[in-house]
Every structure is written in C-alpha cells, then in structure tokens.
Amino acid sequence: MAETIAFLGVARIQDQAILATCYEKSVLNEEKKNYEGALASALERAKSAYPGWRDRASCDEGVLYTFADPQALCLLAVGIRDAQYPERVAVQLLREMADKVRNSQGDELLLEAKSGSLSKPLRKLMMDTMRTYNDAGAQDKTTEVREKVDQLKGIMQDNVKKILETHVTLESLENSSSSMSSQANKFLKQSVDLRRQIQFRNLKIKALCGTCAVALVLYIIVPFIS
C-alpha cells in the first residue's frame, strides 16, 4: 500500500537551487518528475517570499505544500497523495522540518550548498518525518492540541498586557490625582494668605479712618474748649 507522504524537498529561495529531495519508496519516475516540477513552479512564486510564506498547489491527484523557513532562506516542500490531508498538519510538518534542517545543517551550509548535495545528509531526517506524518489523524489531534495551547498562550499574553496597561492607567490616574490634590492644597493656602492680607489691609484702613475721625473731632472742638 502506498504511503500518504510521497515527497519531501528542501530548496534555496535566492537561486532556486533544490538542495535535497526524498521520495517514498513506491514513487515512480513519472511521479517524481511531477513533484519536482511542482516544486520548481513554487520556487518561481516564492521569489519574494517572506518568513512563514506558504503555498498550495495541485499535483496529480494529490497536493504539494510549500513553506518558507523563519529566515526566508529555504523553501520546504511536502508532496501528499491525498488531497484531503489536513492542511494544518502539512504546515506543522514543514515548520518542524524547517527547524530540524536548520539545526542539523546551519545557515552557512544552507547558503553555500550545491544542488542535490544535502539529499544524503538529510535523508534519515526526512524519512523519519515521512513516517511520523503518514498518520494524518494522529498528527491532526496533536496539531489541534498545539494550536489550542498557542491560542491559550495568546489569550494569556493579551490578558497580561491589558493588566499592565490598566496598571499604567491607574498609576497615571493616581499621579494625576496626587498632582491635583497638591495644586488644590496650594490654592487653598494661597487663598488663606490672600484673605489674611485683605483682613490686615482692612484693619489698617479702619485704623487710619478712626485716626482721621478723631483728629477731625479734636480739630473742631479744641477751639471751643479754648
């Protein structure tokens, strides 16, 4: 019985060099040509690929998924005979393979490697990946759990961000409140000082008026007394 995962490939985006290919043992020459042709077409579409760029293309009765690694250095490809194979599982396969290829070969080697030179060094890694992902049902459950965990992480991060933003807002309000309270106290103190100054001025005016009144009375009555 033919396996679901028929082909894996690694290509360099910059010069479209196909660095490594791996086929399931039942794949015939005609099927190989179809997958290689589909990968070449995907590389044409990926000339301006960004990290995480991905593409889906029909290939015979199956499908070819491609994915740009986090550095947009290499394009990873998986050829699947079953067109109903879950896309999220295929993308998870390519993400994992991108990490494993980079960890095993390094960016420098991936930049300098010649076409086909990594097929042998990466053969075991790619064969193991094929075996792991042939059972789409089991991998779909695992991928679903991972997605839910990632989603939960995202929700938690958003909640923490909101809490921090709320804390900053409360702190700003507290600072504003303290500033307003300080300004209010300063205003009250200035009001009290001003009121005292007015009262003192009024007392001085009253005293001056009283003195003038007394002087006027004395000025009027003194001649009569004399």
Protein backbone atom coordinates (compact mmCIF):
# COMPACT_ATOMS: atom_id res chain seq x y z
CA MET A 1 0.00 0.00 0.00
CA ALA A 2 1.38 3.41 -1.00
CA GLU A 3 2.12 5.84 1.81
CA THR A 4 0.34 9.20 2.05
CA ILE A 5 3.51 11.31 2.23
CA ALA A 6 5.28 10.76 -1.09
CA PHE A 7 7.87 13.52 -1.28
CA LEU A 8 9.87 15.97 0.82
CA GLY A 9 12.16 18.65 -0.54
CA VAL A 10 14.42 21.49 0.56
CA ALA A 11 15.28 24.33 -1.84
CA ARG A 12 17.11 27.64 -1.53
CA ILE A 13 14.86 30.58 -2.37
CA GLN A 14 17.55 33.01 -3.56
CA ASP A 15 18.84 30.97 -6.52
CA GLN A 16 16.05 28.32 -6.64
CA ALA A 17 18.56 25.51 -6.09
CA ILE A 18 16.94 22.25 -4.94
CA LEU A 19 19.30 21.14 -2.17
CA ALA A 20 17.64 17.90 -1.07
CA THR A 21 14.83 15.57 -2.12
CA CYS A 22 13.44 12.43 -0.55
CA TYR A 23 10.84 10.08 -2.04
CA GLU A 24 8.72 7.34 -0.55
CA LYS A 25 9.96 4.00 -1.93
CA SER A 26 6.87 3.34 -4.09
CA VAL A 27 7.18 6.62 -6.01
CA LEU A 28 7.78 6.07 -9.74
CA ASN A 29 9.82 8.27 -12.07
CA GLU A 30 6.77 9.99 -13.56
CA GLU A 31 5.52 10.92 -10.08
CA LYS A 32 8.99 12.19 -9.15
CA LYS A 33 9.01 14.48 -12.19
CA ASN A 34 5.59 15.83 -11.26
CA TYR A 35 6.67 16.70 -7.71
CA GLU A 36 9.93 18.25 -8.88
CA GLY A 37 8.06 20.30 -11.48
CA ALA A 38 5.55 21.45 -8.86
CA LEU A 39 8.42 22.46 -6.56
CA ALA A 40 10.13 24.40 -9.37
CA SER A 41 6.87 26.28 -10.01
CA ALA A 42 6.51 27.01 -6.29
CA LEU A 43 10.05 28.42 -6.24
CA GLU A 44 9.09 30.81 -9.04
CA ARG A 45 6.16 32.03 -6.96
CA ALA A 46 8.38 32.29 -3.87
CA LYS A 47 10.94 34.74 -5.29
CA SER A 48 9.74 37.45 -2.91
CA ALA A 49 8.77 35.08 -0.12
CA TYR A 50 8.80 36.32 3.47
CA PRO A 51 9.31 34.21 6.64
CA GLY A 52 6.35 31.88 7.03
CA TRP A 53 5.18 32.31 3.41
CA ARG A 54 3.31 29.24 2.24
CA ASP A 55 1.69 27.90 -0.90
CA ARG A 56 -0.55 25.05 -2.02
CA ALA A 57 -0.63 23.54 -5.50
CA SER A 58 -2.35 20.51 -7.00
CA CYS A 59 -0.06 17.72 -8.16
CA ASP A 60 -1.66 14.78 -9.99
CA GLU A 61 -4.37 13.56 -7.60
CA GLY A 62 -2.54 14.96 -4.60
CA VAL A 63 -1.13 18.28 -3.46
CA LEU A 64 2.21 19.99 -2.86
CA TYR A 65 2.53 22.29 0.16
CA THR A 66 5.49 24.67 0.45
CA PHE A 67 6.65 26.83 3.35
CA ALA A 68 9.40 29.46 3.75
CA ASP A 69 11.55 28.99 6.86
CA PRO A 70 11.81 31.73 9.56
CA GLN A 71 14.79 33.31 7.75
CA ALA A 72 13.15 33.07 4.29
CA LEU A 73 16.36 31.26 3.29
CA CYS A 74 14.90 27.90 2.30
CA LEU A 75 11.60 26.65 0.92
CA LEU A 76 10.43 23.36 2.43
CA ALA A 77 8.08 21.16 0.40
CA VAL A 78 5.88 18.14 1.08
CA GLY A 79 4.12 16.14 -1.63
CA ILE A 80 0.98 14.37 -0.40
CA ARG A 81 -1.01 11.82 -2.40
CA ASP A 82 -4.26 12.50 -0.53
CA ALA A 83 -5.72 15.92 -1.42
CA GLN A 84 -7.90 15.72 1.73
CA TYR A 85 -4.86 15.59 4.01
CA PRO A 86 -5.36 18.34 6.68
CA GLU A 87 -3.52 21.49 5.63
CA ARG A 88 -2.66 22.47 9.21
CA VAL A 89 -0.90 19.11 9.68
CA ALA A 90 1.07 19.64 6.46
CA VAL A 91 2.10 23.12 7.63
CA GLN A 92 3.12 21.72 11.03
CA LEU A 93 5.25 19.10 9.25
CA LEU A 94 7.00 21.82 7.24
CA ARG A 95 7.57 24.00 10.31
CA GLU A 96 9.18 21.11 12.17
CA MET A 97 11.28 20.11 9.18
CA ALA A 98 12.48 23.71 8.74
CA ASP A 99 13.72 23.76 12.34
CA LYS A 100 15.36 20.33 12.05
CA VAL A 101 17.09 21.16 8.75
CA ARG A 102 18.47 24.42 10.10
CA ASN A 103 19.63 22.81 13.36
CA SER A 104 21.34 19.94 11.57
CA GLN A 105 22.99 21.91 8.74
CA GLY A 106 23.27 25.53 9.86
CA ASP A 107 22.62 28.71 7.89
CA GLU A 108 26.13 28.90 6.42
CA LEU A 109 25.95 25.45 4.84
CA LEU A 110 22.42 26.08 3.58
CA LEU A 111 23.70 29.27 1.91
CA GLU A 112 26.66 27.55 0.24
CA ALA A 113 25.35 24.04 -0.53
CA LYS A 114 25.12 22.93 -4.16
CA SER A 115 22.03 21.45 -5.80
CA GLY A 116 21.35 17.93 -4.54
CA SER A 117 24.26 17.96 -2.09
CA LEU A 118 22.08 17.66 1.03
CA SER A 119 19.90 14.74 -0.09
CA LYS A 120 22.13 12.19 1.62
CA PRO A 121 22.84 14.15 4.86
CA LEU A 122 19.13 14.89 5.30
CA ARG A 123 17.77 11.51 4.17
CA LYS A 124 17.24 9.98 7.63
CA LEU A 125 15.69 13.18 8.96
CA MET A 126 13.25 13.34 6.05
CA MET A 127 12.40 9.63 6.12
CA ASP A 128 11.63 9.87 9.85
CA THR A 129 9.42 12.90 9.14
CA MET A 130 7.52 10.95 6.48
CA ARG A 131 6.87 8.05 8.84
CA THR A 132 5.76 10.37 11.63
CA TYR A 133 3.27 12.29 9.50
CA ASN A 134 1.82 9.47 7.40
CA ASP A 135 -0.92 9.03 10.00
CA ALA A 136 -2.71 12.32 9.49
CA GLY A 137 -5.40 11.50 12.07
CA ALA A 138 -2.97 11.11 14.96
CA GLN A 139 -0.96 14.14 13.92
CA ASP A 140 -4.10 16.22 13.43
CA LYS A 141 -5.05 15.66 17.08
CA THR A 142 -1.54 16.64 18.18
CA THR A 143 -1.59 19.71 15.94
CA GLU A 144 -5.04 20.67 17.23
CA VAL A 145 -3.78 20.49 20.82
CA ARG A 146 -0.73 22.59 19.89
CA GLU A 147 -2.93 25.20 18.23
CA LYS A 148 -5.19 25.35 21.28
CA VAL A 149 -2.14 25.74 23.54
CA ASP A 150 -0.78 28.51 21.29
CA GLN A 151 -4.20 30.16 21.27
CA LEU A 152 -4.36 29.95 25.07
CA LYS A 153 -0.87 31.45 25.29
CA GLY A 154 -2.01 34.30 23.07
CA ILE A 155 -5.07 34.93 25.26
CA MET A 156 -2.93 34.88 28.41
CA GLN A 157 -0.42 37.29 26.87
CA ASP A 158 -3.26 39.63 25.87
CA ASN A 159 -4.68 39.47 29.40
CA VAL A 160 -1.29 40.23 30.94
CA LYS A 161 -0.86 43.13 28.51
CA LYS A 162 -4.29 44.51 29.46
CA ILE A 163 -3.47 44.16 33.17
CA LEU A 164 -0.19 46.01 32.66
CA GLU A 165 -1.93 48.70 30.64
CA THR A 166 -4.59 49.01 33.35
CA HIS A 167 -1.86 49.28 35.98
CA VAL A 168 -0.20 52.05 33.98
CA THR A 169 -3.55 53.82 33.63
CA LEU A 170 -4.26 53.54 37.35
CA GLU A 171 -0.76 54.74 38.14
CA SER A 172 -1.25 57.71 35.81
CA LEU A 173 -4.59 58.48 37.46
CA GLU A 174 -3.01 58.20 40.87
CA ASN A 175 -0.22 60.58 39.85
CA SER A 176 -2.76 62.99 38.34
CA SER A 177 -4.86 62.79 41.49
CA SER A 178 -1.82 63.49 43.67
CA SER A 179 -0.87 66.42 41.45
CA MET A 180 -4.39 67.85 41.56
CA SER A 181 -4.52 67.39 45.33
CA SER A 182 -1.20 69.20 45.69
CA GLN A 183 -2.41 72.03 43.46
CA ALA A 184 -5.66 72.27 45.42
CA ASN A 185 -3.77 72.48 48.71
CA LYS A 186 -1.52 75.16 47.24
CA PHE A 187 -4.57 77.11 46.04
CA LEU A 188 -6.22 76.87 49.47
CA LYS A 189 -3.04 78.08 51.17
CA GLN A 190 -2.79 80.99 48.74
CA SER A 191 -6.47 81.81 49.36
CA VAL A 192 -5.95 81.83 53.13
CA ASP A 193 -2.87 84.04 52.79
CA LEU A 194 -4.76 86.42 50.48
CA ARG A 195 -7.71 86.58 52.87
CA ARG A 196 -5.37 87.40 55.75
CA GLN A 197 -3.71 90.12 53.69
CA ILE A 198 -7.12 91.63 52.86
CA GLN A 199 -8.20 91.47 56.50
CA PHE A 200 -4.94 93.14 57.60
CA ARG A 201 -5.37 95.84 54.94
CA ASN A 202 -8.97 96.42 56.06
CA LEU A 203 -7.79 96.77 59.67
CA LYS A 204 -5.18 99.31 58.59
CA ILE A 205 -7.82 101.28 56.66
CA LYS A 206 -10.19 101.18 59.61
CA ALA A 207 -7.42 102.34 61.97
CA LEU A 208 -6.47 105.14 59.59
CA CYS A 209 -10.09 106.23 59.23
CA GLY A 210 -10.51 106.16 63.00
CA THR A 211 -7.41 108.27 63.50
CA CYS A 212 -8.60 110.78 60.91
CA ALA A 213 -12.03 110.96 62.55
CA VAL A 214 -10.51 111.57 65.98
CA ALA A 215 -8.20 114.24 64.56
CA LEU A 216 -11.14 115.95 62.85
CA VAL A 217 -13.22 115.95 66.03
CA LEU A 218 -10.33 117.34 68.02
CA TYR A 219 -9.75 119.97 65.35
CA ILE A 220 -13.37 121.09 65.65
CA ILE A 221 -13.82 121.07 69.43
CA VAL A 222 -10.43 122.30 70.61
CA PRO A 223 -11.08 125.97 69.66
CA PHE A 224 -14.33 125.95 71.64
CA ILE A 225 -12.64 124.50 74.66
CA SER A 226 -10.01 127.19 74.50
